[in-house]
Amino acid sequence: MAKILMVSSEAAPFAKTGGLADVLGALPKALVEAGEEAAVVLPLYRHAAVLNPRPVYDRLQFAVGSRGFSANILEQVQGGVRYFFVRIPELYDRDAFYDEGGREYPDNHLRFAALCHAALGVARYLFNPDIIHGHDWQAGLLPVLLRDTFRYHPAYLGMKTVFTIHNLGYQGLFTARALADLGLPARLFRPDLLEFYGQISLLKGGLVYSDMLTTVSPRYAQEIQTPAFGFGMDGLLRARSSSLVGILNGADYGAWDPATDRNIPKNYDRTHLDGKRECKRALLAEAGLPSDRLERPLMGMVSRFAEQKGFDLLMHIPHELAAEDLSLVVLGSGDRRLEDFFRRFASAYPDRVAAKIGYDEGLAHRIEAGSDMFLMPSRYEPCGLNQMYSMRYGTLPVVHATGGLDDTVDADTGFKFRADDSHDLLACVRDALQVYGTPRWTEMMNAAMQRDFSWPVSAAEYIRLYRRL
């Protein structure tokens, strides 16, 4: 049995903005169920959904550069996992996790450096791990501290480090002056260490100093070693390729399963599909689309509106898409330009297109259950989860063949387009429409609903990696 201490800026259900939180809510639990011992360290944000955590360490003292901090550590156990919350009000008692009004907090480097220091305190006093496993740039300073600042500290001798890249596009970039703010020596400002085109990158710290690197799908592990997907880090990742492993994220079928989902109007499974038709009927009504569209294909979309997600491809073909025999239900928010586009699209075709700007967890489930197909045109997608959810719900994914989308969707379970191009996307949608309503569609639904992307499968790969260390 190994003891694994994970460090992250978010974890479901306590604090969530995206898929990172889902991973930190599910992977540690799967490790515990497999016989490992796991704990997670994360900030205690103002709006964290914690329930009576118990204090376990008062006034943990440490310095980040010239600033001293005193952290209280609280603990809540969920699913056999010990979640340690770092309470530093001056850093985390804010309205949002990372930014407000689209502008990142200017002291984010200090906020997440403090998280890393506090995590080392947890490792020393509360949970002495074999492996410290950091996630994304917010935990990138951890291996730097272990291998440089505290390399001779007896409390940390023998601890190994794993660092997971969830999205290489977010690199924790700060000005060179931030190095002094973090109390790091100037000798680390080198191209082979933390320097990155005149700035410092906390993500790079994790990539350079960790014993092993992982990312969230095998295909993405290959892609990030190329200039097209490497965001300037591809050379470093090629140099560390022998220490880089792609492990597919898992799907939480406890939350995403049409047979048990409490968010949908009628449960169903692959042997009793009548409920899916009722879910479609209810979704059309909720979206304000005509009931006579029930026999027509319905495509769902749930996503952040960002350039990475590829939804701007639709901006070039709205009329062509609306001319096809299908309806669209869209849920998402983000880029104002895309929000405005989907509003206009829905206004121009009110009998075919419905768009809700924002996020609604229940509606996201109902879109998965009530749609016939699910569109994910991402320019790059490290792993993706919605395509996995879609397959379990018998909703065939239409995806760009990149990253985890390419790893998980095949010709028996969905439809893929290769070029990052609006017309290739449209051709793929048309291919799906040709199959809709045929016996082949039913075969594909059945195959998709049987695919197993559950966390125990992925957790077993992480355990093998931990054993190697």
Foldseek 3Di string as FASTA:
>chain_A
DFEEEEEDAEAPPFDDDDDVNPLRPALQLLLVVVPYAYEYEYENAQRTPDDPFAWDDFFDWDDFQPDIFTWTWTWDADSNYIYIYTDGCVQHHDPDSADPPPDGDQCLVVSLLVSLVVSVVCCQPPGVGQEYEYEALSNLCNLVCCVPVCVPPPSRPNRAYEYEYAALVDFQWDAQVVCNSRVHDPVQCDPLHQPDPRTGTSNRSNLRRHQAYEYAAQQVLVVCLDPVRVNRCNVSSVVVVVRYYYFHRFADVVDQAQQDHPLFPHRDALVGLPSLLVLQQVLCVVQVADSVLSLFAEEEEEDEPDVQQLPVLCVVPLPVVVPDRYAYEYEYEHPPVVVVVLVVSCVVCVNGYGYDYDDDVSSLSSNLSHGQAYEGAGPAGQADDSCLSNLLNLRAYEYECHHNVVVPDDPLAHWYFHDSHSVSSVVRVVVVSVCPPPVSSSRNSSVSSPDGRHSSVSSVVVVVVSVVD
